[in-house]
Amino acid sequence: MPVVPTAEQTNTLIDAVAEGREELARPHPERDTLLFELLYGCGVRVSELVGMNLDDFDRSERWIRVRGKGRKERQVPYGSKAAAALENTFG
């Protein structure tokens, strides 16, 4: 069985990204927070995430159009933390 992080470990990681800790020295902490929220909070795969465009986000209904394997599309909801990260990143 694969070893997976606990919920506490994952929350610690997300909090560290959101805080923009100096030792991480990232040029775009808002973007990084959005990426973590979409990957962890929405269950989106990395390959799906890199294929997204801003047009794929329905901000009023909080849905994302995700293109997956085999060109299949699905609608994925996102929560308030992802919405806040999206707003902080793209306005």
N, C-alpha and C. Protein backbone atom coordinates (compact mmCIF):
# COMPACT_ATOMS: atom_id res chain seq x y z
N MET A 1 0.84 -1.19 0.00
CA MET A 1 0.00 0.00 0.00
C MET A 1 0.89 1.25 0.00
N PRO A 2 0.50 2.24 -0.81
CA PRO A 2 1.28 3.47 -0.82
C PRO A 2 1.10 4.25 0.48
N VAL A 3 2.13 4.94 0.86
CA VAL A 3 2.07 5.79 2.05
C VAL A 3 1.55 7.16 1.60
N VAL A 4 0.51 7.63 2.26
CA VAL A 4 -0.07 8.93 1.92
C VAL A 4 -0.01 9.84 3.14
N PRO A 5 0.08 11.13 2.90
CA PRO A 5 0.12 12.06 4.05
C PRO A 5 -1.22 12.09 4.77
N THR A 6 -1.15 12.36 6.05
CA THR A 6 -2.36 12.51 6.85
C THR A 6 -3.01 13.85 6.52
N ALA A 7 -4.23 14.03 6.96
CA ALA A 7 -4.92 15.31 6.75
C ALA A 7 -4.15 16.44 7.43
N GLU A 8 -3.62 16.17 8.61
CA GLU A 8 -2.85 17.19 9.33
C GLU A 8 -1.59 17.58 8.57
N GLN A 9 -0.87 16.60 8.03
CA GLN A 9 0.33 16.89 7.25
C GLN A 9 0.00 17.70 6.00
N THR A 10 -1.09 17.35 5.35
CA THR A 10 -1.49 18.08 4.14
C THR A 10 -1.89 19.50 4.48
N ASN A 11 -2.64 19.69 5.55
CA ASN A 11 -3.02 21.04 5.96
C ASN A 11 -1.81 21.88 6.34
N THR A 12 -0.82 21.26 6.98
CA THR A 12 0.41 21.96 7.32
C THR A 12 1.13 22.43 6.05
N LEU A 13 1.17 21.57 5.05
CA LEU A 13 1.80 21.92 3.78
C LEU A 13 1.07 23.08 3.10
N ILE A 14 -0.24 23.00 3.04
CA ILE A 14 -1.03 24.06 2.41
C ILE A 14 -0.87 25.37 3.17
N ASP A 15 -0.88 25.29 4.50
CA ASP A 15 -0.70 26.50 5.31
C ASP A 15 0.67 27.12 5.07
N ALA A 16 1.69 26.29 4.94
CA ALA A 16 3.05 26.79 4.69
C ALA A 16 3.11 27.51 3.35
N VAL A 17 2.43 26.98 2.34
CA VAL A 17 2.41 27.62 1.03
C VAL A 17 1.64 28.93 1.12
N ALA A 18 0.51 28.92 1.80
CA ALA A 18 -0.32 30.12 1.91
C ALA A 18 0.37 31.23 2.68
N GLU A 19 1.16 30.86 3.69
CA GLU A 19 1.85 31.86 4.49
C GLU A 19 3.00 32.51 3.75
N GLY A 20 3.49 31.87 2.69
CA GLY A 20 4.61 32.42 1.95
C GLY A 20 5.87 32.48 2.78
N ARG A 21 6.14 31.41 3.50
CA ARG A 21 7.31 31.38 4.37
C ARG A 21 8.58 31.74 3.60
N GLU A 22 9.41 32.50 4.25
CA GLU A 22 10.62 33.02 3.63
C GLU A 22 11.57 31.92 3.17
N GLU A 23 11.64 30.81 3.92
CA GLU A 23 12.57 29.74 3.54
C GLU A 23 12.15 29.04 2.24
N LEU A 24 10.91 29.19 1.84
CA LEU A 24 10.46 28.60 0.58
C LEU A 24 10.85 29.48 -0.61
N ALA A 25 10.98 30.77 -0.40
CA ALA A 25 11.45 31.74 -1.41
C ALA A 25 10.86 31.50 -2.79
N ARG A 26 9.55 31.68 -2.90
CA ARG A 26 8.87 31.50 -4.19
C ARG A 26 8.47 32.86 -4.74
N PRO A 27 8.57 33.05 -6.05
CA PRO A 27 8.22 34.34 -6.62
C PRO A 27 6.70 34.58 -6.70
N HIS A 28 5.88 33.52 -6.69
CA HIS A 28 4.43 33.67 -6.85
C HIS A 28 3.67 32.81 -5.84
N PRO A 29 3.68 33.20 -4.56
CA PRO A 29 3.01 32.37 -3.54
C PRO A 29 1.50 32.25 -3.75
N GLU A 30 0.85 33.29 -4.31
CA GLU A 30 -0.60 33.21 -4.54
C GLU A 30 -0.92 32.11 -5.56
N ARG A 31 -0.13 32.07 -6.63
CA ARG A 31 -0.31 31.04 -7.65
C ARG A 31 -0.09 29.65 -7.05
N ASP A 32 0.94 29.52 -6.23
CA ASP A 32 1.26 28.23 -5.63
C ASP A 32 0.12 27.75 -4.73
N THR A 33 -0.47 28.68 -3.98
CA THR A 33 -1.61 28.33 -3.13
C THR A 33 -2.78 27.84 -3.98
N LEU A 34 -3.05 28.52 -5.08
CA LEU A 34 -4.12 28.09 -5.98
C LEU A 34 -3.85 26.69 -6.52
N LEU A 35 -2.63 26.42 -6.93
CA LEU A 35 -2.29 25.09 -7.45
C LEU A 35 -2.53 24.01 -6.40
N PHE A 36 -2.09 24.25 -5.17
CA PHE A 36 -2.32 23.27 -4.11
C PHE A 36 -3.80 23.06 -3.85
N GLU A 37 -4.57 24.14 -3.82
CA GLU A 37 -6.01 24.03 -3.56
C GLU A 37 -6.69 23.21 -4.66
N LEU A 38 -6.30 23.42 -5.91
CA LEU A 38 -6.93 22.67 -7.00
C LEU A 38 -6.50 21.21 -6.98
N LEU A 39 -5.23 20.96 -6.73
CA LEU A 39 -4.76 19.57 -6.70
C LEU A 39 -5.34 18.80 -5.52
N TYR A 40 -5.22 19.35 -4.34
CA TYR A 40 -5.67 18.64 -3.15
C TYR A 40 -7.17 18.78 -2.91
N GLY A 41 -7.66 20.00 -2.98
CA GLY A 41 -9.05 20.26 -2.64
C GLY A 41 -10.05 19.76 -3.67
N CYS A 42 -9.64 19.73 -4.94
CA CYS A 42 -10.55 19.32 -6.01
C CYS A 42 -10.22 17.94 -6.57
N GLY A 43 -9.10 17.39 -6.21
CA GLY A 43 -8.72 16.08 -6.71
C GLY A 43 -8.35 16.08 -8.18
N VAL A 44 -7.87 17.22 -8.66
CA VAL A 44 -7.49 17.35 -10.06
C VAL A 44 -6.09 16.78 -10.24
N ARG A 45 -5.86 16.05 -11.30
CA ARG A 45 -4.53 15.52 -11.61
C ARG A 45 -3.63 16.64 -12.14
N VAL A 46 -2.32 16.46 -11.98
CA VAL A 46 -1.37 17.45 -12.47
C VAL A 46 -1.54 17.64 -13.97
N SER A 47 -1.70 16.55 -14.71
CA SER A 47 -1.85 16.65 -16.17
C SER A 47 -3.12 17.42 -16.54
N GLU A 48 -4.16 17.31 -15.73
CA GLU A 48 -5.40 18.06 -15.98
C GLU A 48 -5.21 19.54 -15.64
N LEU A 49 -4.48 19.78 -14.57
CA LEU A 49 -4.25 21.15 -14.12
C LEU A 49 -3.46 21.96 -15.14
N VAL A 50 -2.43 21.37 -15.71
CA VAL A 50 -1.61 22.12 -16.66
C VAL A 50 -2.36 22.41 -17.95
N GLY A 51 -3.43 21.69 -18.21
CA GLY A 51 -4.22 21.92 -19.42
C GLY A 51 -5.37 22.89 -19.23
N MET A 52 -5.52 23.44 -18.03
CA MET A 52 -6.63 24.36 -17.75
C MET A 52 -6.36 25.76 -18.27
N ASN A 53 -7.45 26.45 -18.61
CA ASN A 53 -7.43 27.86 -18.98
C ASN A 53 -8.39 28.60 -18.06
N LEU A 54 -8.25 29.90 -17.97
CA LEU A 54 -9.18 30.68 -17.14
C LEU A 54 -10.61 30.52 -17.60
N ASP A 55 -10.82 30.28 -18.89
CA ASP A 55 -12.17 30.09 -19.41
C ASP A 55 -12.82 28.82 -18.87
N ASP A 56 -12.04 27.91 -18.32
CA ASP A 56 -12.58 26.66 -17.77
C ASP A 56 -13.22 26.85 -16.41
N PHE A 57 -13.04 28.02 -15.80
CA PHE A 57 -13.59 28.29 -14.47
C PHE A 57 -14.91 29.04 -14.59
N ASP A 58 -15.94 28.50 -13.96
CA ASP A 58 -17.21 29.20 -13.82
C ASP A 58 -17.23 29.75 -12.40
N ARG A 59 -16.82 31.00 -12.25
CA ARG A 59 -16.66 31.59 -10.92
C ARG A 59 -17.97 31.77 -10.18
N SER A 60 -19.05 32.03 -10.90
CA SER A 60 -20.33 32.26 -10.24
C SER A 60 -20.91 30.97 -9.65
N GLU A 61 -20.68 29.85 -10.32
CA GLU A 61 -21.21 28.57 -9.83
C GLU A 61 -20.15 27.71 -9.15
N ARG A 62 -18.88 28.17 -9.20
CA ARG A 62 -17.74 27.45 -8.62
C ARG A 62 -17.57 26.04 -9.19
N TRP A 63 -17.53 25.98 -10.50
CA TRP A 63 -17.27 24.73 -11.22
C TRP A 63 -16.08 24.93 -12.15
N ILE A 64 -15.34 23.85 -12.36
CA ILE A 64 -14.22 23.86 -13.31
C ILE A 64 -14.48 22.79 -14.36
N ARG A 65 -14.28 23.13 -15.63
CA ARG A 65 -14.32 22.13 -16.69
C ARG A 65 -12.92 21.52 -16.77
N VAL A 66 -12.86 20.21 -16.51
CA VAL A 66 -11.57 19.51 -16.48
C VAL A 66 -11.53 18.51 -17.63
N ARG A 67 -10.45 18.59 -18.39
CA ARG A 67 -10.25 17.64 -19.48
C ARG A 67 -9.29 16.57 -19.00
N GLY A 68 -9.78 15.33 -18.99
CA GLY A 68 -8.98 14.23 -18.47
C GLY A 68 -8.44 13.32 -19.55
N LYS A 69 -8.17 12.12 -19.13
CA LYS A 69 -7.63 11.11 -20.03
C LYS A 69 -8.63 10.80 -21.14
N GLY A 70 -8.12 10.55 -22.31
CA GLY A 70 -8.99 10.20 -23.43
C GLY A 70 -9.90 11.33 -23.87
N ARG A 71 -9.49 12.57 -23.62
CA ARG A 71 -10.27 13.76 -23.99
C ARG A 71 -11.64 13.82 -23.32
N LYS A 72 -11.80 13.10 -22.25
CA LYS A 72 -13.06 13.15 -21.51
C LYS A 72 -13.11 14.44 -20.69
N GLU A 73 -14.27 15.04 -20.63
CA GLU A 73 -14.46 16.25 -19.84
C GLU A 73 -15.39 15.95 -18.69
N ARG A 74 -15.13 16.63 -17.57
CA ARG A 74 -16.02 16.51 -16.42
C ARG A 74 -16.07 17.86 -15.71
N GLN A 75 -17.10 18.05 -14.94
CA GLN A 75 -17.27 19.26 -14.15
C GLN A 75 -16.85 18.95 -12.72
N VAL A 76 -16.00 19.79 -12.16
CA VAL A 76 -15.50 19.59 -10.80
C VAL A 76 -15.82 20.84 -9.99
N PRO A 77 -16.48 20.68 -8.84
CA PRO A 77 -16.75 21.84 -8.00
C PRO A 77 -15.49 22.24 -7.23
N TYR A 78 -15.42 23.52 -6.87
CA TYR A 78 -14.32 23.95 -6.00
C TYR A 78 -14.89 24.80 -4.87
N GLY A 79 -14.19 24.76 -3.76
CA GLY A 79 -14.69 25.40 -2.54
C GLY A 79 -14.21 26.82 -2.34
N SER A 80 -14.50 27.33 -1.16
CA SER A 80 -14.23 28.73 -0.84
C SER A 80 -12.73 29.04 -0.80
N LYS A 81 -11.92 28.10 -0.32
CA LYS A 81 -10.48 28.36 -0.27
C LYS A 81 -9.89 28.44 -1.68
N ALA A 82 -10.33 27.57 -2.56
CA ALA A 82 -9.87 27.63 -3.95
C ALA A 82 -10.38 28.90 -4.63
N ALA A 83 -11.61 29.29 -4.32
CA ALA A 83 -12.17 30.52 -4.89
C ALA A 83 -11.39 31.74 -4.42
N ALA A 84 -11.01 31.77 -3.15
CA ALA A 84 -10.22 32.87 -2.63
C ALA A 84 -8.84 32.90 -3.28
N ALA A 85 -8.24 31.73 -3.45
CA ALA A 85 -6.93 31.64 -4.08
C ALA A 85 -7.00 32.08 -5.54
N LEU A 86 -8.08 31.72 -6.22
CA LEU A 86 -8.28 32.13 -7.62
C LEU A 86 -8.42 33.64 -7.71
N GLU A 87 -9.17 34.22 -6.79
CA GLU A 87 -9.36 35.67 -6.76
C GLU A 87 -8.03 36.39 -6.46
N ASN A 88 -7.27 35.86 -5.51
CA ASN A 88 -5.99 36.47 -5.16
C ASN A 88 -4.98 36.38 -6.31
N THR A 89 -5.09 35.34 -7.11
CA THR A 89 -4.13 35.13 -8.18
C THR A 89 -4.49 35.92 -9.44
N PHE A 90 -5.79 35.89 -9.81
CA PHE A 90 -6.19 36.48 -11.09
C PHE A 90 -7.15 37.65 -10.97
N GLY A 91 -7.56 37.97 -9.73
CA GLY A 91 -8.44 39.12 -9.56
C GLY A 91 -9.84 38.95 -9.97
